[in-house]
Amino acid sequence: MKQGRKVGSDHLVIYLKRDEASPHARFGFVVAKSVGGAVKRNLVKRRLRAISRESLLPLEVKADVVVRALPGAAELDWTKLREEFQADFDSAVKKTIKA
């Protein structure tokens, strides 16, 4: 999380670092107790995993990606969480390609 590009929004922060040596992208998820109880945290993680799989298929990005959920992420519905994730992820990819 200390290296690479950081893109944030109201409910998510995405850290992306290119890794050309890696055969594929790797995702990690950080969902702290400030997001909610165990049930809400696991719901957010499951949703983020599904959204990240969707986002990766067309891109073929070789990178390490860490997604940190902020308080309030558990209250978002599926479509809003996906839109916010997609906007942040696309922005991070564009910033990384420029560098």
N, C-alpha and C. Protein backbone atom coordinates (compact mmCIF):
# COMPACT_ATOMS: atom_id res chain seq x y z
N MET A 1 0.81 -1.20 0.00
CA MET A 1 0.00 0.00 0.00
C MET A 1 0.86 1.26 0.00
N LYS A 2 2.12 1.12 0.33
CA LYS A 2 2.98 2.30 0.37
C LYS A 2 3.53 2.66 -1.00
N GLN A 3 3.48 1.74 -1.94
CA GLN A 3 3.99 2.01 -3.28
C GLN A 3 2.83 1.97 -4.27
N GLY A 4 3.05 2.51 -5.44
CA GLY A 4 2.02 2.47 -6.46
C GLY A 4 1.11 3.68 -6.39
N ARG A 5 -0.04 3.58 -7.02
CA ARG A 5 -1.00 4.69 -7.11
C ARG A 5 -2.15 4.48 -6.15
N LYS A 6 -2.65 5.59 -5.62
CA LYS A 6 -3.76 5.56 -4.67
C LYS A 6 -4.90 6.40 -5.23
N VAL A 7 -6.08 5.82 -5.28
CA VAL A 7 -7.27 6.54 -5.74
C VAL A 7 -8.36 6.30 -4.71
N GLY A 8 -8.99 7.38 -4.28
CA GLY A 8 -10.02 7.24 -3.26
C GLY A 8 -11.32 7.89 -3.65
N SER A 9 -12.38 7.44 -3.00
CA SER A 9 -13.70 8.02 -3.15
C SER A 9 -14.37 8.02 -1.78
N ASP A 10 -15.66 8.21 -1.74
CA ASP A 10 -16.36 8.31 -0.45
C ASP A 10 -16.31 7.02 0.37
N HIS A 11 -16.35 5.86 -0.30
CA HIS A 11 -16.46 4.60 0.44
C HIS A 11 -15.34 3.61 0.17
N LEU A 12 -14.45 3.92 -0.78
CA LEU A 12 -13.37 2.99 -1.14
C LEU A 12 -12.07 3.74 -1.38
N VAL A 13 -10.97 3.05 -1.12
CA VAL A 13 -9.64 3.52 -1.51
C VAL A 13 -8.98 2.35 -2.23
N ILE A 14 -8.46 2.62 -3.43
CA ILE A 14 -7.81 1.56 -4.21
C ILE A 14 -6.34 1.91 -4.40
N TYR A 15 -5.48 0.96 -4.07
CA TYR A 15 -4.04 1.08 -4.27
C TYR A 15 -3.68 0.12 -5.38
N LEU A 16 -2.98 0.60 -6.41
CA LEU A 16 -2.62 -0.24 -7.54
C LEU A 16 -1.14 -0.07 -7.85
N LYS A 17 -0.45 -1.18 -7.96
CA LYS A 17 0.98 -1.18 -8.30
C LYS A 17 1.20 -2.19 -9.41
N ARG A 18 1.75 -1.71 -10.53
CA ARG A 18 2.03 -2.62 -11.65
C ARG A 18 3.09 -3.62 -11.27
N ASP A 19 2.92 -4.84 -11.76
CA ASP A 19 3.89 -5.91 -11.52
C ASP A 19 3.95 -6.77 -12.77
N GLU A 20 4.82 -6.38 -13.70
CA GLU A 20 4.91 -7.07 -14.99
C GLU A 20 5.42 -8.51 -14.84
N ALA A 21 6.09 -8.81 -13.75
CA ALA A 21 6.61 -10.16 -13.54
C ALA A 21 5.49 -11.13 -13.15
N SER A 22 4.40 -10.61 -12.66
CA SER A 22 3.28 -11.45 -12.23
C SER A 22 2.49 -11.94 -13.43
N PRO A 23 2.04 -13.19 -13.42
CA PRO A 23 1.28 -13.70 -14.57
C PRO A 23 -0.14 -13.13 -14.65
N HIS A 24 -0.66 -12.61 -13.54
CA HIS A 24 -2.01 -12.06 -13.51
C HIS A 24 -2.13 -11.08 -12.36
N ALA A 25 -3.25 -10.42 -12.27
CA ALA A 25 -3.47 -9.46 -11.19
C ALA A 25 -3.79 -10.20 -9.88
N ARG A 26 -3.42 -9.56 -8.78
CA ARG A 26 -3.74 -10.09 -7.46
C ARG A 26 -4.51 -9.01 -6.71
N PHE A 27 -5.56 -9.41 -6.03
CA PHE A 27 -6.36 -8.49 -5.26
C PHE A 27 -6.27 -8.82 -3.78
N GLY A 28 -6.29 -7.78 -2.96
CA GLY A 28 -6.38 -7.93 -1.52
C GLY A 28 -7.46 -6.96 -1.03
N PHE A 29 -8.14 -7.33 0.03
CA PHE A 29 -9.23 -6.51 0.54
C PHE A 29 -9.01 -6.22 2.02
N VAL A 30 -9.19 -4.94 2.39
CA VAL A 30 -9.07 -4.52 3.78
C VAL A 30 -10.42 -3.95 4.18
N VAL A 31 -11.08 -4.64 5.10
CA VAL A 31 -12.38 -4.19 5.57
C VAL A 31 -12.30 -4.18 7.10
N ALA A 32 -12.15 -2.98 7.66
CA ALA A 32 -11.94 -2.84 9.11
C ALA A 32 -13.26 -2.91 9.87
N LYS A 33 -13.14 -3.02 11.19
CA LYS A 33 -14.33 -3.08 12.03
C LYS A 33 -15.16 -1.80 11.97
N SER A 34 -14.56 -0.71 11.52
CA SER A 34 -15.29 0.55 11.41
C SER A 34 -16.38 0.48 10.34
N VAL A 35 -16.28 -0.50 9.44
CA VAL A 35 -17.30 -0.69 8.40
C VAL A 35 -18.57 -1.28 9.00
N GLY A 36 -18.43 -2.14 9.99
CA GLY A 36 -19.58 -2.76 10.63
C GLY A 36 -19.19 -4.05 11.31
N GLY A 37 -20.20 -4.79 11.72
CA GLY A 37 -19.96 -6.08 12.36
C GLY A 37 -19.47 -7.11 11.35
N ALA A 38 -19.24 -8.32 11.83
CA ALA A 38 -18.67 -9.38 10.99
C ALA A 38 -19.54 -9.68 9.78
N VAL A 39 -20.85 -9.68 9.95
CA VAL A 39 -21.75 -9.99 8.84
C VAL A 39 -21.63 -8.92 7.75
N LYS A 40 -21.62 -7.66 8.13
CA LYS A 40 -21.50 -6.57 7.16
C LYS A 40 -20.14 -6.57 6.49
N ARG A 41 -19.08 -6.82 7.27
CA ARG A 41 -17.74 -6.85 6.69
C ARG A 41 -17.61 -7.96 5.66
N ASN A 42 -18.13 -9.13 5.98
CA ASN A 42 -18.05 -10.25 5.04
C ASN A 42 -18.90 -9.99 3.79
N LEU A 43 -20.04 -9.34 3.95
CA LEU A 43 -20.86 -8.97 2.80
C LEU A 43 -20.10 -8.03 1.88
N VAL A 44 -19.43 -7.04 2.45
CA VAL A 44 -18.65 -6.09 1.64
C VAL A 44 -17.52 -6.83 0.93
N LYS A 45 -16.82 -7.72 1.62
CA LYS A 45 -15.73 -8.47 1.00
C LYS A 45 -16.23 -9.34 -0.15
N ARG A 46 -17.34 -10.03 0.04
CA ARG A 46 -17.90 -10.87 -1.03
C ARG A 46 -18.27 -10.04 -2.24
N ARG A 47 -18.89 -8.90 -2.00
CA ARG A 47 -19.28 -8.02 -3.11
C ARG A 47 -18.04 -7.49 -3.84
N LEU A 48 -17.04 -7.07 -3.09
CA LEU A 48 -15.83 -6.53 -3.72
C LEU A 48 -15.09 -7.60 -4.52
N ARG A 49 -15.08 -8.84 -4.02
CA ARG A 49 -14.45 -9.92 -4.77
C ARG A 49 -15.16 -10.15 -6.11
N ALA A 50 -16.48 -10.18 -6.07
CA ALA A 50 -17.25 -10.40 -7.30
C ALA A 50 -17.05 -9.25 -8.29
N ILE A 51 -17.06 -8.03 -7.78
CA ILE A 51 -16.88 -6.86 -8.65
C ILE A 51 -15.47 -6.86 -9.24
N SER A 52 -14.47 -7.23 -8.45
CA SER A 52 -13.10 -7.23 -8.97
C SER A 52 -12.93 -8.28 -10.06
N ARG A 53 -13.57 -9.43 -9.93
CA ARG A 53 -13.51 -10.44 -10.99
C ARG A 53 -14.11 -9.90 -12.29
N GLU A 54 -15.25 -9.22 -12.15
CA GLU A 54 -15.90 -8.59 -13.31
C GLU A 54 -14.98 -7.58 -13.98
N SER A 55 -14.31 -6.77 -13.19
CA SER A 55 -13.47 -5.70 -13.71
C SER A 55 -12.21 -6.21 -14.37
N LEU A 56 -11.71 -7.33 -13.91
CA LEU A 56 -10.44 -7.85 -14.43
C LEU A 56 -10.56 -8.54 -15.77
N LEU A 57 -11.66 -9.17 -16.04
CA LEU A 57 -11.77 -9.99 -17.25
C LEU A 57 -11.40 -9.24 -18.53
N PRO A 58 -11.94 -8.05 -18.79
CA PRO A 58 -11.61 -7.41 -20.06
C PRO A 58 -10.23 -6.73 -20.09
N LEU A 59 -9.59 -6.51 -18.93
CA LEU A 59 -8.41 -5.65 -18.91
C LEU A 59 -7.08 -6.37 -19.02
N GLU A 60 -6.95 -7.54 -18.41
CA GLU A 60 -5.67 -8.24 -18.39
C GLU A 60 -4.57 -7.39 -17.75
N VAL A 61 -4.86 -6.77 -16.65
CA VAL A 61 -3.91 -5.92 -15.94
C VAL A 61 -3.02 -6.81 -15.07
N LYS A 62 -1.70 -6.61 -15.20
CA LYS A 62 -0.76 -7.33 -14.34
C LYS A 62 -0.37 -6.38 -13.22
N ALA A 63 -1.05 -6.51 -12.08
CA ALA A 63 -0.83 -5.56 -11.00
C ALA A 63 -1.24 -6.18 -9.68
N ASP A 64 -0.75 -5.55 -8.62
CA ASP A 64 -1.21 -5.86 -7.28
C ASP A 64 -2.19 -4.77 -6.90
N VAL A 65 -3.37 -5.16 -6.46
CA VAL A 65 -4.43 -4.21 -6.14
C VAL A 65 -4.90 -4.47 -4.72
N VAL A 66 -4.94 -3.40 -3.91
CA VAL A 66 -5.49 -3.49 -2.57
C VAL A 66 -6.70 -2.56 -2.52
N VAL A 67 -7.83 -3.10 -2.09
CA VAL A 67 -9.06 -2.32 -1.98
C VAL A 67 -9.39 -2.20 -0.51
N ARG A 68 -9.45 -0.95 -0.04
CA ARG A 68 -9.78 -0.69 1.37
C ARG A 68 -11.17 -0.09 1.43
N ALA A 69 -12.06 -0.75 2.15
CA ALA A 69 -13.42 -0.27 2.32
C ALA A 69 -13.46 0.71 3.49
N LEU A 70 -14.13 1.82 3.30
CA LEU A 70 -14.28 2.84 4.33
C LEU A 70 -15.65 2.72 4.99
N PRO A 71 -15.83 3.33 6.16
CA PRO A 71 -17.13 3.29 6.82
C PRO A 71 -18.22 3.79 5.86
N GLY A 72 -19.33 3.09 5.83
CA GLY A 72 -20.42 3.45 4.94
C GLY A 72 -20.51 2.53 3.74
N ALA A 73 -19.46 1.76 3.47
CA ALA A 73 -19.47 0.87 2.31
C ALA A 73 -20.53 -0.22 2.45
N ALA A 74 -20.83 -0.63 3.67
CA ALA A 74 -21.82 -1.69 3.88
C ALA A 74 -23.23 -1.20 3.59
N GLU A 75 -23.46 0.10 3.64
CA GLU A 75 -24.80 0.63 3.40
C GLU A 75 -25.10 0.83 1.91
N LEU A 76 -24.07 0.76 1.07
CA LEU A 76 -24.28 0.92 -0.38
C LEU A 76 -24.93 -0.32 -0.96
N ASP A 77 -25.81 -0.11 -1.94
CA ASP A 77 -26.35 -1.27 -2.64
C ASP A 77 -25.34 -1.72 -3.69
N TRP A 78 -25.64 -2.86 -4.31
CA TRP A 78 -24.71 -3.49 -5.24
C TRP A 78 -24.29 -2.57 -6.38
N THR A 79 -25.26 -1.91 -7.02
CA THR A 79 -24.94 -1.10 -8.19
C THR A 79 -24.09 0.12 -7.85
N LYS A 80 -24.38 0.76 -6.72
CA LYS A 80 -23.59 1.94 -6.33
C LYS A 80 -22.17 1.54 -5.95
N LEU A 81 -22.03 0.42 -5.25
CA LEU A 81 -20.69 -0.06 -4.89
C LEU A 81 -19.91 -0.41 -6.15
N ARG A 82 -20.56 -1.06 -7.11
CA ARG A 82 -19.89 -1.44 -8.36
C ARG A 82 -19.48 -0.20 -9.15
N GLU A 83 -20.36 0.81 -9.23
CA GLU A 83 -20.04 2.03 -9.96
C GLU A 83 -18.85 2.75 -9.32
N GLU A 84 -18.85 2.84 -7.99
CA GLU A 84 -17.76 3.52 -7.30
C GLU A 84 -16.45 2.75 -7.48
N PHE A 85 -16.51 1.43 -7.36
CA PHE A 85 -15.32 0.60 -7.55
C PHE A 85 -14.78 0.77 -8.97
N GLN A 86 -15.68 0.68 -9.95
CA GLN A 86 -15.25 0.75 -11.35
C GLN A 86 -14.61 2.10 -11.66
N ALA A 87 -15.20 3.19 -11.16
CA ALA A 87 -14.64 4.52 -11.41
C ALA A 87 -13.25 4.64 -10.78
N ASP A 88 -13.10 4.19 -9.54
CA ASP A 88 -11.80 4.26 -8.86
C ASP A 88 -10.78 3.36 -9.54
N PHE A 89 -11.18 2.15 -9.90
CA PHE A 89 -10.26 1.21 -10.53
C PHE A 89 -9.78 1.73 -11.88
N ASP A 90 -10.71 2.24 -12.69
CA ASP A 90 -10.33 2.79 -13.99
C ASP A 90 -9.38 3.97 -13.84
N SER A 91 -9.64 4.81 -12.86
CA SER A 91 -8.77 5.96 -12.60
C SER A 91 -7.38 5.51 -12.18
N ALA A 92 -7.31 4.50 -11.32
CA ALA A 92 -6.01 3.98 -10.87
C ALA A 92 -5.24 3.37 -12.02
N VAL A 93 -5.92 2.64 -12.89
CA VAL A 93 -5.25 2.02 -14.04
C VAL A 93 -4.71 3.10 -14.97
N LYS A 94 -5.50 4.14 -15.22
CA LYS A 94 -5.04 5.24 -16.09
C LYS A 94 -3.83 5.95 -15.50
N LYS A 95 -3.86 6.21 -14.18
CA LYS A 95 -2.72 6.87 -13.53
C LYS A 95 -1.47 5.99 -13.60
N THR A 96 -1.65 4.68 -13.46
CA THR A 96 -0.52 3.76 -13.46
C THR A 96 0.08 3.65 -14.86
N ILE A 97 -0.76 3.66 -15.87
CA ILE A 97 -0.26 3.55 -17.25
C ILE A 97 0.53 4.80 -17.63
N LYS A 98 0.09 5.98 -17.16
CA LYS A 98 0.79 7.23 -17.45
C LYS A 98 2.18 7.25 -16.86
N ALA A 99 2.33 6.66 -15.67
CA ALA A 99 3.61 6.72 -14.96
C ALA A 99 4.68 5.88 -15.58
